[in-house]
């Protein structure tokens, strides 16, 4: 996305930041690929505050923000990050609101459905709806 949007300034130049940002799943996922040699770079500024802003927006439009460090994936949610561990390309990452008691702050969760556990008619589809 660094080449296509003015939202990402020179700090986001991949050779400098060691971060590549792209859209996946028809615009429903912001995928952030971090150089494994600097796996915590995304937690540094100016990156972290922008990524958290994307996570807040993503939650409001049923989308995802996923950090990829090699095969390791981390879902960035408005109020936390969820380390999903090793995620294969065919696995499905599910993100959505959690049921919380009335009067409590909203919360979100994320989990992986392994490719072998995805029903045949749901393969190559992406779902975020539904509380867990």
N, C-alpha and C. Protein backbone atom coordinates (compact mmCIF):
# COMPACT_ATOMS: atom_id res chain seq x y z
N UNK A 1 0.82 -1.20 0.00
CA UNK A 1 0.00 0.00 0.00
C UNK A 1 0.86 1.26 0.00
N UNK A 2 2.14 1.13 0.37
CA UNK A 2 3.00 2.30 0.42
C UNK A 2 3.05 2.99 -0.93
N UNK A 3 2.99 2.24 -2.01
CA UNK A 3 3.03 2.84 -3.34
C UNK A 3 1.71 3.49 -3.75
N UNK A 4 0.60 3.10 -3.12
CA UNK A 4 -0.71 3.51 -3.60
C UNK A 4 -1.48 4.48 -2.74
N UNK A 5 -0.98 4.80 -1.56
CA UNK A 5 -1.73 5.70 -0.69
C UNK A 5 -0.81 6.72 -0.04
N UNK A 6 -1.28 7.94 0.01
CA UNK A 6 -0.50 9.01 0.65
C UNK A 6 -0.59 8.90 2.18
N UNK A 7 -1.47 8.06 2.69
CA UNK A 7 -1.60 7.85 4.13
C UNK A 7 -0.30 7.31 4.73
N UNK A 8 0.45 6.58 3.91
CA UNK A 8 1.71 6.00 4.37
C UNK A 8 2.87 6.83 3.83
N UNK A 9 3.52 7.57 4.73
CA UNK A 9 4.60 8.47 4.31
C UNK A 9 5.92 7.72 4.17
N UNK A 10 7.01 8.46 4.03
CA UNK A 10 8.33 7.87 3.81
C UNK A 10 8.75 6.92 4.92
N UNK A 11 8.22 7.10 6.13
CA UNK A 11 8.55 6.19 7.24
C UNK A 11 8.13 4.75 6.93
N UNK A 12 7.12 4.60 6.07
CA UNK A 12 6.58 3.29 5.75
C UNK A 12 7.27 2.65 4.53
N UNK A 13 8.23 3.33 3.93
CA UNK A 13 8.96 2.75 2.80
C UNK A 13 9.50 1.40 3.26
N UNK A 14 9.15 0.30 2.59
CA UNK A 14 9.50 -1.04 3.09
C UNK A 14 10.97 -1.26 3.40
N UNK A 15 11.87 -0.70 2.62
CA UNK A 15 13.30 -0.90 2.91
C UNK A 15 13.71 -0.22 4.21
N UNK A 16 12.99 0.83 4.59
CA UNK A 16 13.27 1.55 5.83
C UNK A 16 12.52 0.92 7.01
N UNK A 17 11.22 0.70 6.82
CA UNK A 17 10.36 0.23 7.91
C UNK A 17 10.49 -1.26 8.19
N UNK A 18 10.87 -2.02 7.17
CA UNK A 18 10.88 -3.49 7.25
C UNK A 18 9.48 -4.03 7.42
N UNK A 19 8.49 -3.25 6.89
CA UNK A 19 7.08 -3.59 6.96
C UNK A 19 6.48 -3.40 5.57
N UNK A 20 5.66 -4.37 5.16
CA UNK A 20 4.90 -4.24 3.92
C UNK A 20 3.43 -4.37 4.29
N UNK A 21 2.63 -3.42 3.83
CA UNK A 21 1.20 -3.41 4.12
C UNK A 21 0.45 -3.70 2.82
N UNK A 22 -0.51 -4.63 2.88
CA UNK A 22 -1.31 -4.92 1.70
C UNK A 22 -2.75 -5.22 2.13
N UNK A 23 -3.63 -5.17 1.15
CA UNK A 23 -5.04 -5.51 1.37
C UNK A 23 -5.26 -6.93 0.87
N UNK A 24 -6.05 -7.69 1.61
CA UNK A 24 -6.39 -9.05 1.22
C UNK A 24 -7.89 -9.25 1.35
N UNK A 25 -8.36 -10.36 0.82
CA UNK A 25 -9.76 -10.76 0.95
C UNK A 25 -10.71 -9.67 0.49
N UNK A 26 -10.43 -9.12 -0.66
CA UNK A 26 -11.32 -8.12 -1.22
C UNK A 26 -11.43 -6.87 -0.37
N UNK A 27 -10.38 -6.53 0.35
CA UNK A 27 -10.38 -5.34 1.18
C UNK A 27 -10.85 -5.57 2.60
N UNK A 28 -11.11 -6.83 2.98
CA UNK A 28 -11.59 -7.12 4.33
C UNK A 28 -10.47 -7.40 5.32
N UNK A 29 -9.23 -7.40 4.84
CA UNK A 29 -8.11 -7.63 5.74
C UNK A 29 -6.96 -6.71 5.36
N UNK A 30 -6.44 -6.01 6.37
CA UNK A 30 -5.17 -5.31 6.20
C UNK A 30 -4.11 -6.28 6.70
N UNK A 31 -3.28 -6.74 5.78
CA UNK A 31 -2.22 -7.69 6.10
C UNK A 31 -0.91 -6.92 6.19
N UNK A 32 -0.26 -7.05 7.32
CA UNK A 32 0.99 -6.34 7.58
C UNK A 32 2.09 -7.39 7.73
N UNK A 33 3.04 -7.38 6.81
CA UNK A 33 4.12 -8.34 6.79
C UNK A 33 5.37 -7.68 7.37
N UNK A 34 5.88 -8.25 8.45
CA UNK A 34 7.02 -7.68 9.16
C UNK A 34 8.24 -8.58 8.93
N UNK A 35 9.36 -7.96 8.64
CA UNK A 35 10.61 -8.68 8.45
C UNK A 35 10.91 -9.47 9.73
N UNK A 36 11.05 -10.79 9.63
CA UNK A 36 11.35 -11.60 10.83
C UNK A 36 12.63 -11.19 11.54
N UNK A 37 13.53 -10.49 10.87
CA UNK A 37 14.76 -10.03 11.52
C UNK A 37 14.48 -8.92 12.53
N UNK A 38 13.33 -8.24 12.40
CA UNK A 38 12.93 -7.18 13.34
C UNK A 38 11.44 -7.38 13.70
N UNK A 39 11.12 -8.49 14.39
CA UNK A 39 9.72 -8.89 14.59
C UNK A 39 8.87 -7.93 15.40
N UNK A 40 9.46 -7.05 16.17
CA UNK A 40 8.66 -6.11 16.97
C UNK A 40 8.59 -4.73 16.33
N UNK A 41 9.08 -4.57 15.12
CA UNK A 41 9.07 -3.26 14.48
C UNK A 41 7.67 -2.66 14.44
N UNK A 42 6.65 -3.46 14.21
CA UNK A 42 5.28 -2.94 14.11
C UNK A 42 4.80 -2.30 15.42
N UNK A 43 5.44 -2.63 16.52
CA UNK A 43 5.06 -2.03 17.82
C UNK A 43 5.72 -0.68 18.06
N UNK A 44 6.62 -0.29 17.17
CA UNK A 44 7.30 1.00 17.30
C UNK A 44 6.47 2.10 16.64
N UNK A 45 6.74 3.34 17.03
CA UNK A 45 6.13 4.48 16.35
C UNK A 45 6.99 4.88 15.17
N UNK A 46 6.38 5.33 14.13
CA UNK A 46 5.00 5.77 13.96
C UNK A 46 4.04 4.66 13.55
N UNK A 47 4.49 3.41 13.53
CA UNK A 47 3.69 2.32 13.00
C UNK A 47 2.55 1.90 13.92
N UNK A 48 2.85 1.70 15.20
CA UNK A 48 1.87 1.13 16.12
C UNK A 48 0.59 1.95 16.21
N UNK A 49 0.69 3.24 16.36
CA UNK A 49 -0.53 4.05 16.51
C UNK A 49 -1.38 3.99 15.24
N UNK A 50 -0.75 3.93 14.07
CA UNK A 50 -1.50 3.83 12.82
C UNK A 50 -2.18 2.47 12.73
N UNK A 51 -1.46 1.42 13.08
CA UNK A 51 -2.02 0.06 13.04
C UNK A 51 -3.19 -0.06 14.00
N UNK A 52 -3.06 0.49 15.21
CA UNK A 52 -4.18 0.44 16.16
C UNK A 52 -5.39 1.22 15.64
N UNK A 53 -5.15 2.33 14.96
CA UNK A 53 -6.24 3.08 14.34
C UNK A 53 -6.95 2.26 13.28
N UNK A 54 -6.17 1.53 12.49
CA UNK A 54 -6.78 0.65 11.50
C UNK A 54 -7.61 -0.43 12.18
N UNK A 55 -7.13 -0.94 13.31
CA UNK A 55 -7.86 -1.99 14.04
C UNK A 55 -9.19 -1.48 14.55
N UNK A 56 -9.21 -0.26 15.04
CA UNK A 56 -10.48 0.32 15.52
C UNK A 56 -11.46 0.47 14.37
N UNK A 57 -10.98 0.96 13.23
CA UNK A 57 -11.85 1.08 12.07
C UNK A 57 -12.30 -0.30 11.59
N UNK A 58 -11.38 -1.25 11.52
CA UNK A 58 -11.70 -2.59 11.03
C UNK A 58 -12.81 -3.24 11.85
N UNK A 59 -12.77 -3.05 13.16
CA UNK A 59 -13.80 -3.63 14.01
C UNK A 59 -15.18 -3.08 13.68
N UNK A 60 -15.24 -1.83 13.25
CA UNK A 60 -16.53 -1.22 12.95
C UNK A 60 -17.09 -1.64 11.60
N UNK A 61 -16.26 -2.23 10.75
CA UNK A 61 -16.72 -2.62 9.41
C UNK A 61 -16.48 -4.11 9.15
N UNK A 62 -16.37 -4.89 10.20
CA UNK A 62 -16.20 -6.34 10.12
C UNK A 62 -15.02 -6.73 9.23
N UNK A 63 -13.88 -6.13 9.51
CA UNK A 63 -12.65 -6.44 8.80
C UNK A 63 -11.57 -6.83 9.80
N UNK A 64 -10.37 -7.10 9.30
CA UNK A 64 -9.30 -7.58 10.15
C UNK A 64 -8.02 -6.80 9.90
N UNK A 65 -7.20 -6.76 10.93
CA UNK A 65 -5.82 -6.28 10.81
C UNK A 65 -4.96 -7.40 11.36
N UNK A 66 -4.13 -7.97 10.48
CA UNK A 66 -3.31 -9.12 10.85
C UNK A 66 -1.84 -8.81 10.61
N UNK A 67 -1.03 -9.01 11.65
CA UNK A 67 0.42 -8.89 11.55
C UNK A 67 0.95 -10.28 11.18
N UNK A 68 1.79 -10.34 10.18
CA UNK A 68 2.41 -11.60 9.75
C UNK A 68 3.92 -11.48 9.94
N UNK A 69 4.47 -12.39 10.72
CA UNK A 69 5.92 -12.46 10.95
C UNK A 69 6.30 -13.89 10.58
N UNK A 70 6.75 -14.07 9.36
CA UNK A 70 6.93 -15.43 8.85
C UNK A 70 5.55 -16.08 8.81
N UNK A 71 5.41 -17.28 9.40
CA UNK A 71 4.11 -17.95 9.43
C UNK A 71 3.30 -17.61 10.68
N UNK A 72 3.89 -16.83 11.58
CA UNK A 72 3.19 -16.43 12.80
C UNK A 72 2.25 -15.27 12.48
N UNK A 73 1.05 -15.31 13.03
CA UNK A 73 0.06 -14.26 12.80
C UNK A 73 -0.41 -13.70 14.14
N UNK A 74 -0.62 -12.39 14.16
CA UNK A 74 -1.14 -11.70 15.33
C UNK A 74 -2.31 -10.85 14.87
N UNK A 75 -3.48 -11.06 15.46
CA UNK A 75 -4.65 -10.23 15.15
C UNK A 75 -4.58 -8.99 16.03
N UNK A 76 -4.67 -7.83 15.40
CA UNK A 76 -4.67 -6.56 16.13
C UNK A 76 -6.12 -6.12 16.25
N UNK A 77 -6.57 -6.01 17.48
CA UNK A 77 -7.95 -5.64 17.79
C UNK A 77 -7.95 -4.28 18.47
N UNK A 78 -9.09 -3.63 18.57
CA UNK A 78 -9.11 -2.29 19.18
C UNK A 78 -8.53 -2.24 20.59
N UNK A 79 -8.74 -3.29 21.37
CA UNK A 79 -8.32 -3.25 22.78
C UNK A 79 -7.21 -4.23 23.15
N UNK A 80 -6.70 -4.98 22.15
CA UNK A 80 -5.65 -5.96 22.48
C UNK A 80 -5.11 -6.57 21.19
N UNK A 81 -4.09 -7.39 21.36
CA UNK A 81 -3.58 -8.19 20.27
C UNK A 81 -3.72 -9.65 20.68
N UNK A 82 -4.01 -10.50 19.69
CA UNK A 82 -4.13 -11.94 19.94
C UNK A 82 -3.11 -12.65 19.08
N UNK A 83 -2.13 -13.31 19.73
CA UNK A 83 -1.12 -14.08 19.01
C UNK A 83 -1.76 -15.39 18.58
N UNK A 84 -1.92 -15.58 17.29
CA UNK A 84 -2.59 -16.76 16.75
C UNK A 84 -1.62 -17.91 16.48
N UNK A 85 -0.33 -17.67 16.69
CA UNK A 85 0.66 -18.70 16.44
C UNK A 85 0.89 -18.92 14.96
N UNK A 86 1.28 -20.13 14.60
CA UNK A 86 1.55 -20.46 13.20
C UNK A 86 0.23 -20.63 12.47
N UNK A 87 0.08 -19.91 11.37
CA UNK A 87 -1.12 -19.96 10.56
C UNK A 87 -0.70 -20.28 9.13
N UNK A 88 -1.26 -21.34 8.59
CA UNK A 88 -0.97 -21.71 7.21
C UNK A 88 -1.86 -20.91 6.26
N UNK A 89 -1.44 -20.78 5.02
CA UNK A 89 -2.16 -19.96 4.04
C UNK A 89 -3.61 -20.40 3.85
N UNK A 90 -3.91 -21.67 3.99
CA UNK A 90 -5.27 -22.16 3.77
C UNK A 90 -6.16 -22.05 5.02
N UNK A 91 -5.57 -21.76 6.17
CA UNK A 91 -6.34 -21.63 7.40
C UNK A 91 -7.20 -20.37 7.35
N UNK A 92 -8.26 -20.35 8.13
CA UNK A 92 -9.14 -19.19 8.21
C UNK A 92 -8.93 -18.48 9.54
N UNK A 93 -8.73 -17.18 9.48
CA UNK A 93 -8.63 -16.37 10.70
C UNK A 93 -9.99 -15.73 10.93
N UNK A 94 -10.54 -15.97 12.09
CA UNK A 94 -11.85 -15.46 12.45
C UNK A 94 -11.68 -14.36 13.48
N UNK A 95 -12.32 -13.22 13.24
CA UNK A 95 -12.27 -12.09 14.16
C UNK A 95 -13.69 -11.58 14.34
N UNK A 96 -14.07 -11.28 15.57
CA UNK A 96 -15.40 -10.76 15.79
C UNK A 96 -15.61 -10.32 17.22
N UNK A 97 -16.77 -9.71 17.46
CA UNK A 97 -17.08 -9.24 18.81
C UNK A 97 -17.38 -10.41 19.74
N UNK A 98 -17.01 -10.26 20.99
CA UNK A 98 -17.33 -11.24 22.02
C UNK A 98 -18.59 -10.80 22.74
N UNK A 99 -19.33 -11.74 23.26
CA UNK A 99 -20.48 -11.40 24.08
C UNK A 99 -19.96 -10.89 25.42
N UNK A 100 -20.37 -9.68 25.77
CA UNK A 100 -19.98 -9.11 27.06
C UNK A 100 -21.24 -8.67 27.79
N UNK A 101 -21.18 -8.67 29.09
CA UNK A 101 -22.33 -8.27 29.90
C UNK A 101 -22.65 -6.80 29.66
N UNK A 102 -23.92 -6.49 29.77
CA UNK A 102 -24.37 -5.11 29.60
C UNK A 102 -23.60 -4.20 30.56
N UNK A 103 -23.21 -3.04 30.07
CA UNK A 103 -22.49 -2.09 30.89
C UNK A 103 -20.98 -2.25 30.84
N UNK A 104 -20.49 -3.31 30.22
CA UNK A 104 -19.06 -3.52 30.09
C UNK A 104 -18.57 -3.00 28.74
N UNK A 105 -17.30 -2.67 28.68
CA UNK A 105 -16.72 -2.20 27.43
C UNK A 105 -16.76 -3.32 26.39
N UNK A 106 -16.90 -2.97 25.12
CA UNK A 106 -16.88 -4.02 24.09
C UNK A 106 -15.54 -4.73 24.05
N UNK A 107 -15.58 -5.96 23.59
CA UNK A 107 -14.37 -6.76 23.48
C UNK A 107 -14.43 -7.55 22.18
N UNK A 108 -13.27 -7.94 21.68
CA UNK A 108 -13.18 -8.70 20.45
C UNK A 108 -12.29 -9.89 20.68
N UNK A 109 -12.48 -10.90 19.84
CA UNK A 109 -11.65 -12.08 19.90
C UNK A 109 -11.20 -12.49 18.52
N UNK A 110 -10.22 -13.36 18.48
CA UNK A 110 -9.71 -13.88 17.21
C UNK A 110 -9.25 -15.32 17.44
N UNK A 111 -9.43 -16.14 16.44
CA UNK A 111 -8.98 -17.52 16.51
C UNK A 111 -8.78 -18.04 15.09
N UNK A 112 -8.14 -19.18 14.99
CA UNK A 112 -7.84 -19.79 13.70
C UNK A 112 -8.67 -21.06 13.57
N UNK A 113 -9.24 -21.23 12.39
CA UNK A 113 -9.88 -22.50 12.03
C UNK A 113 -8.93 -23.15 11.03
N UNK A 114 -8.38 -24.28 11.40
CA UNK A 114 -7.44 -24.97 10.52
C UNK A 114 -8.15 -25.41 9.24
N UNK A 115 -7.42 -25.39 8.14
CA UNK A 115 -7.99 -25.68 6.82
C UNK A 115 -8.76 -27.00 6.82
N UNK A 116 -8.24 -28.02 7.49
CA UNK A 116 -8.90 -29.33 7.51
C UNK A 116 -10.26 -29.27 8.21
N UNK A 117 -10.48 -28.27 9.06
CA UNK A 117 -11.74 -28.15 9.80
C UNK A 117 -12.74 -27.21 9.14
N UNK A 118 -12.37 -26.62 8.00
CA UNK A 118 -13.28 -25.72 7.29
C UNK A 118 -14.15 -26.58 6.38
N UNK A 119 -15.48 -26.47 6.51
CA UNK A 119 -16.35 -27.25 5.62
C UNK A 119 -16.05 -26.96 4.15
N UNK A 120 -16.19 -27.98 3.32
CA UNK A 120 -15.86 -27.87 1.89
C UNK A 120 -16.54 -26.66 1.25
N UNK A 121 -17.80 -26.40 1.57
CA UNK A 121 -18.52 -25.29 0.93
C UNK A 121 -18.10 -23.92 1.46
N UNK A 122 -17.26 -23.88 2.50
CA UNK A 122 -16.80 -22.61 3.07
C UNK A 122 -15.35 -22.30 2.70
N UNK A 123 -14.68 -23.21 2.02
CA UNK A 123 -13.29 -22.97 1.63
C UNK A 123 -13.23 -21.81 0.67
N UNK A 124 -12.20 -21.03 0.79
CA UNK A 124 -11.98 -19.83 -0.03
C UNK A 124 -12.99 -18.74 0.27
N UNK A 125 -13.70 -18.84 1.37
CA UNK A 125 -14.61 -17.78 1.82
C UNK A 125 -14.07 -17.25 3.14
N UNK A 126 -14.46 -16.01 3.45
CA UNK A 126 -13.98 -15.39 4.67
C UNK A 126 -15.18 -14.93 5.47
N UNK A 127 -15.20 -15.26 6.75
CA UNK A 127 -16.33 -14.92 7.60
C UNK A 127 -15.81 -14.22 8.85
N UNK A 128 -16.49 -13.17 9.27
CA UNK A 128 -16.11 -12.50 10.50
C UNK A 128 -17.29 -12.41 11.46
N UNK A 129 -18.50 -12.53 10.96
CA UNK A 129 -19.68 -12.32 11.78
C UNK A 129 -19.82 -13.39 12.86
N UNK A 130 -20.54 -13.03 13.90
CA UNK A 130 -20.84 -13.98 14.94
C UNK A 130 -20.01 -13.81 16.19
N UNK A 131 -20.67 -13.84 17.31
CA UNK A 131 -19.97 -13.77 18.58
C UNK A 131 -19.46 -15.16 18.94
N UNK A 132 -18.38 -15.21 19.70
CA UNK A 132 -17.82 -16.50 20.11
C UNK A 132 -17.87 -16.59 21.61
